[in-house]
Amino acid sequence: MKHFAQIVLAATILSVGALNGAVAEERILPVPAVTIYAGDTIQESMLKDRAFPENYRYRTAVVESPRVLTGKMARRTLLPGEPIPMNAVDDPKLVTRGVQAQIVFEEGGLSIMGVGIPLQSGTMGETIQVKNADSGRVITGRVQADGRIRIGVY
């Protein structure tokens, strides 16, 4: 019986030691070094690493890599030292709702360009609706990297 008590005591000490080791582990996350306002494009110089306890509970999913954040746009104000929720950043908008943009139709050797008014803001590769400024017709197009909207065959 004495031998069994010694084994239980040793197991308890080991488990407590293991728990203390788990508490000591940290999770490194990117956080703003300065206040980042809604609409700002996030640059690597605006971020720093901060250690959080492994068991720290976040309210929402947070970004874990600074590479994911660079070049993204803040959807809301991000405070220094706080973890960045995934839903607080977005790809930058290349076209803005209501602001004239160039629309392009290309097929084979034919290229037709015009002016359109986007009915919604869009990021690269996103399909949006555009009102043709000349005809007034609403058409669908895909936002290109240069900010133009390509209609017809994508």
C-alpha atoms as a PDB file:
ATOM      1  CA  MET A   1       0.000   0.000   0.000  1.00  0.00           C
ATOM      2  CA  LYS A   2       2.868   2.361   0.835  1.00  0.00           C
ATOM      3  CA  HIS A   3       4.406   1.672  -2.593  1.00  0.00           C
ATOM      4  CA  PHE A   4       1.070   2.500  -4.326  1.00  0.00           C
ATOM      5  CA  ALA A   5       0.845   5.840  -2.449  1.00  0.00           C
ATOM      6  CA  GLN A   6       4.370   6.740  -3.582  1.00  0.00           C
ATOM      7  CA  ILE A   7       3.452   6.003  -7.220  1.00  0.00           C
ATOM      8  CA  VAL A   8       0.292   8.154  -6.974  1.00  0.00           C
ATOM      9  CA  LEU A   9       2.296  10.990  -5.390  1.00  0.00           C
ATOM     10  CA  ALA A  10       4.966  10.803  -8.121  1.00  0.00           C
ATOM     11  CA  ALA A  11       2.292  10.795 -10.851  1.00  0.00           C
ATOM     12  CA  THR A  12       0.608  13.833  -9.275  1.00  0.00           C
ATOM     13  CA  ILE A  13       3.894  15.742  -9.114  1.00  0.00           C
ATOM     14  CA  LEU A  14       4.626  14.910 -12.754  1.00  0.00           C
ATOM     15  CA  SER A  15       1.166  15.999 -13.905  1.00  0.00           C
ATOM     16  CA  VAL A  16       1.406  19.306 -12.003  1.00  0.00           C
ATOM     17  CA  GLY A  17       4.825  19.875 -13.557  1.00  0.00           C
ATOM     18  CA  ALA A  18       3.396  19.147 -16.995  1.00  0.00           C
ATOM     19  CA  LEU A  19       0.572  21.653 -16.396  1.00  0.00           C
ATOM     20  CA  ASN A  20       3.059  24.330 -15.365  1.00  0.00           C
ATOM     21  CA  GLY A  21       5.034  23.626 -18.530  1.00  0.00           C
ATOM     22  CA  ALA A  22       1.878  23.998 -20.657  1.00  0.00           C
ATOM     23  CA  VAL A  23       1.063  27.337 -19.038  1.00  0.00           C
ATOM     24  CA  ALA A  24       4.561  28.572 -19.855  1.00  0.00           C
ATOM     25  CA  GLU A  25       4.058  27.913 -23.577  1.00  0.00           C
ATOM     26  CA  GLU A  26       3.211  31.005 -25.579  1.00  0.00           C
ATOM     27  CA  ARG A  27       1.589  31.804 -28.871  1.00  0.00           C
ATOM     28  CA  ILE A  28       3.190  34.576 -30.945  1.00  0.00           C
ATOM     29  CA  LEU A  29       0.678  36.695 -32.900  1.00  0.00           C
ATOM     30  CA  PRO A  30       1.046  39.831 -35.024  1.00  0.00           C
ATOM     31  CA  VAL A  31      -0.518  42.903 -33.427  1.00  0.00           C
ATOM     32  CA  PRO A  32      -0.618  46.557 -34.512  1.00  0.00           C
ATOM     33  CA  ALA A  33       2.318  48.627 -33.285  1.00  0.00           C
ATOM     34  CA  VAL A  34       0.272  51.788 -33.940  1.00  0.00           C
ATOM     35  CA  THR A  35      -3.428  52.515 -34.301  1.00  0.00           C
ATOM     36  CA  ILE A  36      -4.575  51.379 -37.752  1.00  0.00           C
ATOM     37  CA  TYR A  37      -7.738  53.124 -38.925  1.00  0.00           C
ATOM     38  CA  ALA A  38     -10.508  51.728 -41.120  1.00  0.00           C
ATOM     39  CA  GLY A  39      -9.521  52.036 -44.775  1.00  0.00           C
ATOM     40  CA  ASP A  40      -5.761  52.056 -44.087  1.00  0.00           C
ATOM     41  CA  THR A  41      -3.593  49.629 -46.029  1.00  0.00           C
ATOM     42  CA  ILE A  42      -1.611  47.513 -43.582  1.00  0.00           C
ATOM     43  CA  GLN A  43       2.167  47.546 -44.002  1.00  0.00           C
ATOM     44  CA  GLU A  44       4.671  45.296 -42.277  1.00  0.00           C
ATOM     45  CA  SER A  45       6.153  48.287 -40.417  1.00  0.00           C
ATOM     46  CA  MET A  46       2.767  48.815 -38.695  1.00  0.00           C
ATOM     47  CA  LEU A  47       2.942  45.386 -37.026  1.00  0.00           C
ATOM     48  CA  LYS A  48       4.916  43.771 -34.223  1.00  0.00           C
ATOM     49  CA  ASP A  49       4.892  40.342 -32.582  1.00  0.00           C
ATOM     50  CA  ARG A  50       3.359  39.795 -29.165  1.00  0.00           C
ATOM     51  CA  ALA A  51       3.304  36.670 -27.019  1.00  0.00           C
ATOM     52  CA  PHE A  52      -0.024  35.408 -25.670  1.00  0.00           C
ATOM     53  CA  PRO A  53      -0.543  32.459 -23.308  1.00  0.00           C
ATOM     54  CA  GLU A  54      -1.407  29.256 -25.150  1.00  0.00           C
ATOM     55  CA  ASN A  55      -4.711  29.026 -23.275  1.00  0.00           C
ATOM     56  CA  TYR A  56      -5.728  32.667 -23.987  1.00  0.00           C
ATOM     57  CA  ARG A  57      -9.288  32.768 -25.377  1.00  0.00           C
ATOM     58  CA  TYR A  58     -10.039  35.072 -28.300  1.00  0.00           C
ATOM     59  CA  ARG A  59     -13.543  36.356 -29.034  1.00  0.00           C
ATOM     60  CA  THR A  60     -13.204  35.523 -32.745  1.00  0.00           C
ATOM     61  CA  ALA A  61     -10.692  33.853 -35.056  1.00  0.00           C
ATOM     62  CA  VAL A  62      -7.495  35.909 -35.218  1.00  0.00           C
ATOM     63  CA  VAL A  63      -4.787  36.330 -37.846  1.00  0.00           C
ATOM     64  CA  GLU A  64      -1.713  34.293 -36.966  1.00  0.00           C
ATOM     65  CA  SER A  65       0.782  35.393 -39.629  1.00  0.00           C
ATOM     66  CA  PRO A  66       1.986  38.912 -40.506  1.00  0.00           C
ATOM     67  CA  ARG A  67       2.366  37.771 -44.137  1.00  0.00           C
ATOM     68  CA  VAL A  68      -1.418  37.409 -44.353  1.00  0.00           C
ATOM     69  CA  LEU A  69      -1.903  41.023 -43.241  1.00  0.00           C
ATOM     70  CA  THR A  70       0.572  42.875 -45.446  1.00  0.00           C
ATOM     71  CA  GLY A  71      -1.268  44.703 -48.232  1.00  0.00           C
ATOM     72  CA  LYS A  72      -4.719  44.115 -46.726  1.00  0.00           C
ATOM     73  CA  MET A  73      -7.122  46.919 -45.831  1.00  0.00           C
ATOM     74  CA  ALA A  74      -8.428  47.449 -42.301  1.00  0.00           C
ATOM     75  CA  ARG A  75     -12.217  47.241 -42.169  1.00  0.00           C
ATOM     76  CA  ARG A  76     -12.303  48.868 -38.729  1.00  0.00           C
ATOM     77  CA  THR A  77      -9.923  50.541 -36.276  1.00  0.00           C
ATOM     78  CA  LEU A  78      -7.249  48.157 -34.965  1.00  0.00           C
ATOM     79  CA  LEU A  79      -5.757  49.046 -31.591  1.00  0.00           C
ATOM     80  CA  PRO A  80      -2.068  48.612 -30.689  1.00  0.00           C
ATOM     81  CA  GLY A  81      -1.191  45.393 -28.892  1.00  0.00           C
ATOM     82  CA  GLU A  82      -4.536  43.690 -29.566  1.00  0.00           C
ATOM     83  CA  PRO A  83      -4.892  40.503 -31.680  1.00  0.00           C
ATOM     84  CA  ILE A  84      -6.317  41.196 -35.155  1.00  0.00           C
ATOM     85  CA  PRO A  85      -9.607  39.393 -35.920  1.00  0.00           C
ATOM     86  CA  MET A  86      -9.761  37.779 -39.342  1.00  0.00           C
ATOM     87  CA  ASN A  87     -12.981  39.631 -40.156  1.00  0.00           C
ATOM     88  CA  ALA A  88     -11.328  43.010 -39.411  1.00  0.00           C
ATOM     89  CA  VAL A  89      -9.219  42.954 -42.600  1.00  0.00           C
ATOM     90  CA  ASP A  90     -10.118  42.636 -46.263  1.00  0.00           C
ATOM     91  CA  ASP A  91      -8.510  42.824 -49.673  1.00  0.00           C
ATOM     92  CA  PRO A  92      -8.176  46.425 -50.884  1.00  0.00           C
ATOM     93  CA  LYS A  93     -11.078  47.665 -53.012  1.00  0.00           C
ATOM     94  CA  LEU A  94      -9.925  48.406 -56.566  1.00  0.00           C
ATOM     95  CA  VAL A  95     -13.255  49.862 -57.680  1.00  0.00           C
ATOM     96  CA  THR A  96     -15.614  51.890 -55.542  1.00  0.00           C
ATOM     97  CA  ARG A  97     -19.382  51.962 -55.788  1.00  0.00           C
ATOM     98  CA  GLY A  98     -20.547  55.062 -57.647  1.00  0.00           C
ATOM     99  CA  VAL A  99     -17.067  56.094 -58.866  1.00  0.00           C
ATOM    100  CA  GLN A 100     -16.578  55.843 -62.641  1.00  0.00           C
ATOM    101  CA  ALA A 101     -14.375  53.026 -63.845  1.00  0.00           C
ATOM    102  CA  GLN A 102     -13.212  51.824 -67.224  1.00  0.00           C
ATOM    103  CA  ILE A 103     -15.039  48.809 -68.634  1.00  0.00           C
ATOM    104  CA  VAL A 104     -13.372  46.584 -71.213  1.00  0.00           C
ATOM    105  CA  PHE A 105     -14.684  43.932 -73.573  1.00  0.00           C
ATOM    106  CA  GLU A 106     -12.025  41.835 -75.324  1.00  0.00           C
ATOM    107  CA  GLU A 107     -12.568  38.847 -77.551  1.00  0.00           C
ATOM    108  CA  GLY A 108     -10.173  37.667 -80.219  1.00  0.00           C
ATOM    109  CA  GLY A 109      -8.649  40.795 -81.754  1.00  0.00           C
ATOM    110  CA  LEU A 110     -11.629  42.991 -80.825  1.00  0.00           C
ATOM    111  CA  SER A 111     -11.283  45.386 -77.898  1.00  0.00           C
ATOM    112  CA  ILE A 112     -14.045  47.784 -76.849  1.00  0.00           C
ATOM    113  CA  MET A 113     -13.579  50.226 -73.986  1.00  0.00           C
ATOM    114  CA  GLY A 114     -16.095  52.415 -72.244  1.00  0.00           C
ATOM    115  CA  VAL A 115     -17.021  54.021 -68.967  1.00  0.00           C
ATOM    116  CA  GLY A 116     -19.187  52.421 -66.325  1.00  0.00           C
ATOM    117  CA  ILE A 117     -20.457  53.185 -62.864  1.00  0.00           C
ATOM    118  CA  PRO A 118     -19.967  50.268 -60.461  1.00  0.00           C
ATOM    119  CA  LEU A 119     -23.068  49.444 -58.451  1.00  0.00           C
ATOM    120  CA  GLN A 120     -20.887  47.880 -55.749  1.00  0.00           C
ATOM    121  CA  SER A 121     -17.280  48.088 -54.598  1.00  0.00           C
ATOM    122  CA  GLY A 122     -15.006  45.234 -55.605  1.00  0.00           C
ATOM    123  CA  THR A 123     -11.650  43.604 -55.010  1.00  0.00           C
ATOM    124  CA  MET A 124      -9.459  41.919 -57.623  1.00  0.00           C
ATOM    125  CA  GLY A 125     -11.217  38.972 -59.264  1.00  0.00           C
ATOM    126  CA  GLU A 126     -14.601  39.781 -57.779  1.00  0.00           C
ATOM    127  CA  THR A 127     -17.641  39.781 -60.067  1.00  0.00           C
ATOM    128  CA  ILE A 128     -19.720  42.953 -59.734  1.00  0.00           C
ATOM    129  CA  GLN A 129     -22.542  44.766 -61.510  1.00  0.00           C
ATOM    130  CA  VAL A 130     -21.764  47.897 -63.507  1.00  0.00           C
ATOM    131  CA  LYS A 131     -24.051  50.419 -65.167  1.00  0.00           C
ATOM    132  CA  ASN A 132     -22.841  51.359 -68.645  1.00  0.00           C
ATOM    133  CA  ALA A 133     -22.619  55.172 -68.641  1.00  0.00           C
ATOM    134  CA  ASP A 134     -23.517  55.421 -72.371  1.00  0.00           C
ATOM    135  CA  SER A 135     -26.440  53.008 -72.631  1.00  0.00           C
ATOM    136  CA  GLY A 136     -27.662  52.879 -69.027  1.00  0.00           C
ATOM    137  CA  ARG A 137     -27.721  49.056 -69.125  1.00  0.00           C
ATOM    138  CA  VAL A 138     -26.585  47.086 -66.109  1.00  0.00           C
ATOM    139  CA  ILE A 139     -23.918  44.518 -66.967  1.00  0.00           C
ATOM    140  CA  THR A 140     -21.786  42.086 -65.000  1.00  0.00           C
ATOM    141  CA  GLY A 141     -18.009  42.194 -65.037  1.00  0.00           C
ATOM    142  CA  ARG A 142     -14.934  41.034 -63.166  1.00  0.00           C
ATOM    143  CA  VAL A 143     -12.540  43.463 -61.464  1.00  0.00           C
ATOM    144  CA  GLN A 144      -9.016  43.341 -62.889  1.00  0.00           C
ATOM    145  CA  ALA A 145      -5.733  44.089 -61.069  1.00  0.00           C
ATOM    146  CA  ASP A 146      -5.446  47.500 -62.757  1.00  0.00           C
ATOM    147  CA  GLY A 147      -8.913  48.603 -61.572  1.00  0.00           C
ATOM    148  CA  ARG A 148     -10.678  48.084 -64.894  1.00  0.00           C
ATOM    149  CA  ILE A 149     -13.789  45.946 -65.143  1.00  0.00           C
ATOM    150  CA  ARG A 150     -13.710  43.228 -67.782  1.00  0.00           C
ATOM    151  CA  ILE A 151     -17.029  42.198 -69.265  1.00  0.00           C
ATOM    152  CA  GLY A 152     -17.915  39.339 -71.552  1.00  0.00           C
ATOM    153  CA  VAL A 153     -15.759  36.205 -71.479  1.00  0.00           C
ATOM    154  CA  TYR A 154     -13.522  36.126 -68.392  1.00  0.00           C
END
